[in-house]
C-alpha atoms as a PDB file:
ATOM      1  CA  MET A   1     -20.025  13.537  19.045  1.00  0.00           C
ATOM      2  CA  PRO A   2     -16.442  12.657  19.968  1.00  0.00           C
ATOM      3  CA  TYR A   3     -13.627  14.112  17.929  1.00  0.00           C
ATOM      4  CA  GLY A   4     -13.098  12.287  14.647  1.00  0.00           C
ATOM      5  CA  TYR A   5     -16.289  10.241  14.985  1.00  0.00           C
ATOM      6  CA  PRO A   6     -17.614  10.707  11.412  1.00  0.00           C
ATOM      7  CA  CYS A   7     -14.423   9.386   9.837  1.00  0.00           C
ATOM      8  CA  CYS A   8     -13.069   6.827  12.237  1.00  0.00           C
ATOM      9  CA  GLY A   9     -11.603   3.701  10.666  1.00  0.00           C
ATOM     10  CA  PRO A  10      -8.583   2.531   8.674  1.00  0.00           C
ATOM     11  CA  VAL A  11      -9.924   4.145   5.491  1.00  0.00           C
ATOM     12  CA  TYR A  12      -9.369   7.623   6.924  1.00  0.00           C
ATOM     13  CA  PRO A  13      -5.899   7.605   8.531  1.00  0.00           C
ATOM     14  CA  GLY A  14      -5.858  11.379   8.947  1.00  0.00           C
ATOM     15  CA  CYS A  15      -9.098  11.854  10.886  1.00  0.00           C
ATOM     16  CA  TYR A  16      -7.384  11.634  14.285  1.00  0.00           C
ATOM     17  CA  GLY A  17      -4.488  13.870  13.320  1.00  0.00           C
ATOM     18  CA  GLY A  18      -2.302  10.925  12.284  1.00  0.00           C
ATOM     19  CA  GLY A  19      -1.059   9.777  15.691  1.00  0.00           C
ATOM     20  CA  GLY A  20      -4.475   8.874  17.069  1.00  0.00           C
ATOM     21  CA  PHE A  21      -5.068   6.442  14.216  1.00  0.00           C
ATOM     22  CA  TYR A  22      -1.927   4.475  15.003  1.00  0.00           C
ATOM     23  CA  PHE A  23      -2.756   4.538  18.725  1.00  0.00           C
ATOM     24  CA  ALA A  24      -6.195   3.070  18.020  1.00  0.00           C
ATOM     25  CA  LEU A  25      -4.613   0.449  15.755  1.00  0.00           C
ATOM     26  CA  VAL A  26      -2.197  -0.588  18.514  1.00  0.00           C
ATOM     27  CA  VAL A  27      -5.083  -0.818  21.000  1.00  0.00           C
ATOM     28  CA  VAL A  28      -7.027  -3.081  18.622  1.00  0.00           C
ATOM     29  CA  LEU A  29      -3.976  -5.299  18.103  1.00  0.00           C
ATOM     30  CA  LEU A  30      -3.449  -5.576  21.865  1.00  0.00           C
ATOM     31  CA  ILE A  31      -7.104  -6.561  22.356  1.00  0.00           C
ATOM     32  CA  LEU A  32      -6.832  -9.232  19.649  1.00  0.00           C
ATOM     33  CA  LEU A  33      -3.591 -10.505  21.185  1.00  0.00           C
ATOM     34  CA  PHE A  34      -5.240 -10.671  24.614  1.00  0.00           C
ATOM     35  CA  LEU A  35      -8.251 -12.574  23.247  1.00  0.00           C
ATOM     36  CA  PHE A  36      -6.043 -15.000  21.312  1.00  0.00           C
ATOM     37  CA  GLY A  37      -3.813 -15.497  24.355  1.00  0.00           C
ATOM     38  CA  GLY A  38      -6.816 -16.252  26.546  1.00  0.00           C
ATOM     39  CA  TRP A  39      -8.191 -18.698  23.975  1.00  0.00           C
ATOM     40  CA  TRP A  40      -4.810 -20.457  23.678  1.00  0.00           C
ATOM     41  CA  TYR A  41      -4.493 -20.642  27.464  1.00  0.00           C
ATOM     42  CA  TYR A  42      -7.902 -22.250  27.938  1.00  0.00           C
ATOM     43  CA  THR A  43      -7.423 -24.733  25.093  1.00  0.00           C
ATOM     44  CA  ASN A  44      -3.904 -25.844  26.084  1.00  0.00           C
ATOM     45  CA  CYS A  45      -4.066 -26.041  29.874  1.00  0.00           C
END
């Protein structure tokens, strides 16, 4: 099992040592931004 697997998620902000949680959150936000940007591009061009 990868490190922090049993407690991954926003409910356990300390399972990745603090910094890893915020890094994962930023990655998720970037993915959502990319998906929204792609959707906007295809619907407005």
